[in-house]
Amino acid sequence: MEIRGLQTENVKETTILVQGKGNKERVVFISPALKKILIKYERLKKSYFADKQIGGNNYFLSYQGYGLSHPAIHNLIKEAGRRAGIENVHPHKFRHFYAVESLNQGNDVYSLSRLLGHSEISTTQRYLQSLSSEQLSNKALSSSPLMNRRTN
């Protein structure tokens, strides 16, 4: 829904304004790696639609120049997964992967909750349940005050 509804004017230089469930807005930050991908996409889009009509102001477009449908996004993600050799891929799995990786990289659950657009922290806490014992152990070691103390 967030990808389908993304409007061109909401994609800025370093941020994207996303319209979530219940018309809640949140800001998503654009990493340098994503910026390169978006620049390439915008160039291809401009070239492809140079002599064609665009129907609406959606950022991501179908070949016909209209916003992508839910099945189209699902099929694109399935195809990307197939090309990457990953099975059982669907849109929500990206959010789940991002959440778990963010937690593994040391992001706190409160910041993650805001980034995901959750109004309740309990929604974000569900992602914590999918962390393995090894992942929890690694997080504990990397954030341990004893392991990270400076020695003189």
C-alpha atoms as a PDB file:
ATOM      1  CA  MET A   1       0.000   0.000   0.000  1.00  0.00           C
ATOM      2  CA  GLU A   2       2.821   2.404   0.877  1.00  0.00           C
ATOM      3  CA  ILE A   3       4.676   1.719  -2.363  1.00  0.00           C
ATOM      4  CA  ARG A   4       1.517   1.921  -4.462  1.00  0.00           C
ATOM      5  CA  GLY A   5       0.502   5.223  -2.919  1.00  0.00           C
ATOM      6  CA  LEU A   6       3.905   6.891  -3.046  1.00  0.00           C
ATOM      7  CA  GLN A   7       3.599  10.230  -4.840  1.00  0.00           C
ATOM      8  CA  THR A   8       6.419  11.814  -6.849  1.00  0.00           C
ATOM      9  CA  GLU A   9       6.405  15.026  -4.795  1.00  0.00           C
ATOM     10  CA  ASN A  10       6.979  13.019  -1.603  1.00  0.00           C
ATOM     11  CA  VAL A  11      10.364  11.725  -2.773  1.00  0.00           C
ATOM     12  CA  LYS A  12      12.880  14.370  -1.741  1.00  0.00           C
ATOM     13  CA  GLU A  13      16.663  14.520  -1.851  1.00  0.00           C
ATOM     14  CA  THR A  14      17.280  12.661   1.429  1.00  0.00           C
ATOM     15  CA  THR A  15      13.814  11.651   2.636  1.00  0.00           C
ATOM     16  CA  ILE A  16      10.560  10.080   1.498  1.00  0.00           C
ATOM     17  CA  LEU A  17       7.233  11.028   3.033  1.00  0.00           C
ATOM     18  CA  VAL A  18       5.262   7.787   3.313  1.00  0.00           C
ATOM     19  CA  GLN A  19       1.514   7.551   3.785  1.00  0.00           C
ATOM     20  CA  GLY A  20       0.811   4.543   6.009  1.00  0.00           C
ATOM     21  CA  LYS A  21      -2.279   2.865   7.392  1.00  0.00           C
ATOM     22  CA  GLY A  22      -4.972   5.232   8.545  1.00  0.00           C
ATOM     23  CA  ASN A  23      -3.373   8.062   6.526  1.00  0.00           C
ATOM     24  CA  LYS A  24      -0.553   8.287   9.065  1.00  0.00           C
ATOM     25  CA  GLU A  25       2.510   9.954   7.602  1.00  0.00           C
ATOM     26  CA  ARG A  26       6.098   9.157   8.452  1.00  0.00           C
ATOM     27  CA  VAL A  27       9.489  10.070   7.061  1.00  0.00           C
ATOM     28  CA  VAL A  28      11.782   7.398   5.631  1.00  0.00           C
ATOM     29  CA  PHE A  29      15.417   8.329   5.174  1.00  0.00           C
ATOM     30  CA  ILE A  30      17.227   7.710   1.889  1.00  0.00           C
ATOM     31  CA  SER A  31      20.618   6.056   2.232  1.00  0.00           C
ATOM     32  CA  PRO A  32      23.356   6.845  -0.318  1.00  0.00           C
ATOM     33  CA  ALA A  33      22.897   3.338  -1.780  1.00  0.00           C
ATOM     34  CA  LEU A  34      19.149   3.837  -2.210  1.00  0.00           C
ATOM     35  CA  LYS A  35      19.757   7.288  -3.682  1.00  0.00           C
ATOM     36  CA  LYS A  36      21.829   5.750  -6.484  1.00  0.00           C
ATOM     37  CA  ILE A  37      19.039   3.262  -7.243  1.00  0.00           C
ATOM     38  CA  LEU A  38      16.379   5.985  -7.250  1.00  0.00           C
ATOM     39  CA  ILE A  39      18.458   8.178  -9.576  1.00  0.00           C
ATOM     40  CA  LYS A  40      18.828   5.269 -12.000  1.00  0.00           C
ATOM     41  CA  TYR A  41      15.082   4.515 -11.785  1.00  0.00           C
ATOM     42  CA  GLU A  42      14.187   8.164 -12.413  1.00  0.00           C
ATOM     43  CA  ARG A  43      16.461   8.308 -15.476  1.00  0.00           C
ATOM     44  CA  LEU A  44      14.919   5.127 -16.899  1.00  0.00           C
ATOM     45  CA  LYS A  45      11.397   6.362 -16.141  1.00  0.00           C
ATOM     46  CA  LYS A  46      12.062   9.730 -17.789  1.00  0.00           C
ATOM     47  CA  SER A  47      13.514   8.060 -20.876  1.00  0.00           C
ATOM     48  CA  TYR A  48      10.742   5.447 -21.160  1.00  0.00           C
ATOM     49  CA  PHE A  49       7.909   7.957 -20.729  1.00  0.00           C
ATOM     50  CA  ALA A  50       9.497  10.751 -22.803  1.00  0.00           C
ATOM     51  CA  ASP A  51       6.886  10.322 -25.549  1.00  0.00           C
ATOM     52  CA  LYS A  52       4.126   8.625 -23.517  1.00  0.00           C
ATOM     53  CA  GLN A  53       1.307   9.817 -21.326  1.00  0.00           C
ATOM     54  CA  ILE A  54       1.541   9.353 -17.546  1.00  0.00           C
ATOM     55  CA  GLY A  55      -1.730   8.837 -15.705  1.00  0.00           C
ATOM     56  CA  GLY A  56      -1.389  10.346 -12.239  1.00  0.00           C
ATOM     57  CA  ASN A  57       1.434  11.352  -9.971  1.00  0.00           C
ATOM     58  CA  ASN A  58       2.586   7.979  -8.668  1.00  0.00           C
ATOM     59  CA  TYR A  59       6.321   7.595  -8.208  1.00  0.00           C
ATOM     60  CA  PHE A  60       6.423   3.957  -9.296  1.00  0.00           C
ATOM     61  CA  LEU A  61       4.672   3.311 -12.575  1.00  0.00           C
ATOM     62  CA  SER A  62       3.499   0.404 -14.678  1.00  0.00           C
ATOM     63  CA  TYR A  63       4.549   0.173 -18.326  1.00  0.00           C
ATOM     64  CA  GLN A  64       1.255   1.867 -19.188  1.00  0.00           C
ATOM     65  CA  GLY A  65       2.119   4.925 -17.058  1.00  0.00           C
ATOM     66  CA  TYR A  66      -0.247   4.269 -14.161  1.00  0.00           C
ATOM     67  CA  GLY A  67       0.421   3.472 -10.521  1.00  0.00           C
ATOM     68  CA  LEU A  68       1.324  -0.134  -9.788  1.00  0.00           C
ATOM     69  CA  SER A  69      -1.428  -2.491  -8.671  1.00  0.00           C
ATOM     70  CA  HIS A  70      -1.108  -4.749  -5.641  1.00  0.00           C
ATOM     71  CA  PRO A  71      -0.689  -7.883  -7.836  1.00  0.00           C
ATOM     72  CA  ALA A  72       1.948  -6.089  -9.947  1.00  0.00           C
ATOM     73  CA  ILE A  73       4.030  -5.275  -6.859  1.00  0.00           C
ATOM     74  CA  HIS A  74       3.626  -8.813  -5.565  1.00  0.00           C
ATOM     75  CA  ASN A  75       4.764 -10.223  -8.929  1.00  0.00           C
ATOM     76  CA  LEU A  76       7.754  -7.854  -9.105  1.00  0.00           C
ATOM     77  CA  ILE A  77       8.890  -8.934  -5.660  1.00  0.00           C
ATOM     78  CA  LYS A  78       8.394 -12.611  -6.507  1.00  0.00           C
ATOM     79  CA  GLU A  79      10.490 -12.164  -9.656  1.00  0.00           C
ATOM     80  CA  ALA A  80      13.229 -10.293  -7.781  1.00  0.00           C
ATOM     81  CA  GLY A  81      13.290 -13.095  -5.209  1.00  0.00           C
ATOM     82  CA  ARG A  82      13.496 -15.723  -7.943  1.00  0.00           C
ATOM     83  CA  ARG A  83      16.424 -13.905  -9.577  1.00  0.00           C
ATOM     84  CA  ALA A  84      18.184 -13.661  -6.210  1.00  0.00           C
ATOM     85  CA  GLY A  85      17.541 -17.349  -5.485  1.00  0.00           C
ATOM     86  CA  ILE A  86      15.212 -16.610  -2.559  1.00  0.00           C
ATOM     87  CA  GLU A  87      11.910 -18.423  -2.189  1.00  0.00           C
ATOM     88  CA  ASN A  88       8.761 -17.400  -0.324  1.00  0.00           C
ATOM     89  CA  VAL A  89       9.253 -13.683  -0.881  1.00  0.00           C
ATOM     90  CA  HIS A  90       6.438 -11.203  -0.345  1.00  0.00           C
ATOM     91  CA  PRO A  91       6.225  -7.457   0.434  1.00  0.00           C
ATOM     92  CA  HIS A  92       5.821  -7.791   4.196  1.00  0.00           C
ATOM     93  CA  LYS A  93       8.903  -9.999   4.377  1.00  0.00           C
ATOM     94  CA  PHE A  94      10.986  -6.951   3.381  1.00  0.00           C
ATOM     95  CA  ARG A  95       9.659  -5.029   6.382  1.00  0.00           C
ATOM     96  CA  HIS A  96      10.320  -8.004   8.632  1.00  0.00           C
ATOM     97  CA  PHE A  97      13.873  -8.413   7.303  1.00  0.00           C
ATOM     98  CA  TYR A  98      14.552  -4.690   7.736  1.00  0.00           C
ATOM     99  CA  ALA A  99      13.238  -4.757  11.299  1.00  0.00           C
ATOM    100  CA  VAL A 100      15.270  -7.786  12.360  1.00  0.00           C
ATOM    101  CA  GLU A 101      18.447  -6.508  10.676  1.00  0.00           C
ATOM    102  CA  SER A 102      17.993  -3.087  12.270  1.00  0.00           C
ATOM    103  CA  LEU A 103      17.746  -4.704  15.677  1.00  0.00           C
ATOM    104  CA  ASN A 104      20.801  -6.857  14.912  1.00  0.00           C
ATOM    105  CA  GLN A 105      22.750  -3.732  13.941  1.00  0.00           C
ATOM    106  CA  GLY A 106      21.981  -2.149  17.292  1.00  0.00           C
ATOM    107  CA  ASN A 107      18.960  -0.010  16.483  1.00  0.00           C
ATOM    108  CA  ASP A 108      16.699   0.334  19.504  1.00  0.00           C
ATOM    109  CA  VAL A 109      13.104  -0.862  19.381  1.00  0.00           C
ATOM    110  CA  TYR A 110      11.707   2.646  19.959  1.00  0.00           C
ATOM    111  CA  SER A 111      13.509   4.174  16.966  1.00  0.00           C
ATOM    112  CA  LEU A 112      12.620   1.154  14.854  1.00  0.00           C
ATOM    113  CA  SER A 113       8.978   1.501  15.847  1.00  0.00           C
ATOM    114  CA  ARG A 114       8.930   5.079  14.545  1.00  0.00           C
ATOM    115  CA  LEU A 115      10.771   4.151  11.343  1.00  0.00           C
ATOM    116  CA  LEU A 116       8.239   1.398  10.635  1.00  0.00           C
ATOM    117  CA  GLY A 117       5.315   3.702  11.388  1.00  0.00           C
ATOM    118  CA  HIS A 118       3.937   1.606  14.236  1.00  0.00           C
ATOM    119  CA  SER A 119       1.698   3.504  16.637  1.00  0.00           C
ATOM    120  CA  GLU A 120       2.141   0.850  19.329  1.00  0.00           C
ATOM    121  CA  ILE A 121       5.542  -0.408  20.499  1.00  0.00           C
ATOM    122  CA  SER A 122       3.971  -3.858  21.003  1.00  0.00           C
ATOM    123  CA  THR A 123       3.622  -4.181  17.226  1.00  0.00           C
ATOM    124  CA  THR A 124       7.371  -3.666  16.806  1.00  0.00           C
ATOM    125  CA  GLN A 125       8.182  -5.992  19.701  1.00  0.00           C
ATOM    126  CA  ARG A 126       6.791  -8.913  17.680  1.00  0.00           C
ATOM    127  CA  TYR A 127       9.922  -8.689  15.518  1.00  0.00           C
ATOM    128  CA  LEU A 128      12.020  -9.349  18.612  1.00  0.00           C
ATOM    129  CA  GLN A 129      10.422 -12.775  18.942  1.00  0.00           C
ATOM    130  CA  SER A 130      11.978 -13.883  15.657  1.00  0.00           C
ATOM    131  CA  LEU A 131      15.560 -13.227  16.825  1.00  0.00           C
ATOM    132  CA  SER A 132      17.476 -16.453  17.361  1.00  0.00           C
ATOM    133  CA  SER A 133      19.444 -17.204  20.515  1.00  0.00           C
ATOM    134  CA  GLU A 134      22.664 -16.648  18.565  1.00  0.00           C
ATOM    135  CA  GLN A 135      21.474 -13.233  17.370  1.00  0.00           C
ATOM    136  CA  LEU A 136      20.509 -12.273  20.921  1.00  0.00           C
ATOM    137  CA  SER A 137      23.883 -13.470  22.182  1.00  0.00           C
ATOM    138  CA  ASN A 138      25.712 -11.374  19.574  1.00  0.00           C
ATOM    139  CA  LYS A 139      23.635  -8.314  20.501  1.00  0.00           C
ATOM    140  CA  ALA A 140      24.362  -8.861  24.185  1.00  0.00           C
ATOM    141  CA  LEU A 141      28.111  -9.165  23.579  1.00  0.00           C
ATOM    142  CA  SER A 142      28.314  -6.159  21.280  1.00  0.00           C
ATOM    143  CA  SER A 143      26.454  -3.941  23.751  1.00  0.00           C
ATOM    144  CA  SER A 144      28.020  -5.299  26.934  1.00  0.00           C
ATOM    145  CA  PRO A 145      29.568  -2.519  29.038  1.00  0.00           C
ATOM    146  CA  LEU A 146      32.325  -4.901  30.164  1.00  0.00           C
ATOM    147  CA  MET A 147      33.164  -5.952  26.613  1.00  0.00           C
ATOM    148  CA  ASN A 148      33.206  -2.363  25.386  1.00  0.00           C
ATOM    149  CA  ARG A 149      35.008  -0.620  28.196  1.00  0.00           C
ATOM    150  CA  ARG A 150      38.097   1.333  27.358  1.00  0.00           C
ATOM    151  CA  THR A 151      41.314   0.206  28.925  1.00  0.00           C
ATOM    152  CA  ASN A 152      44.078   2.685  29.675  1.00  0.00           C
END
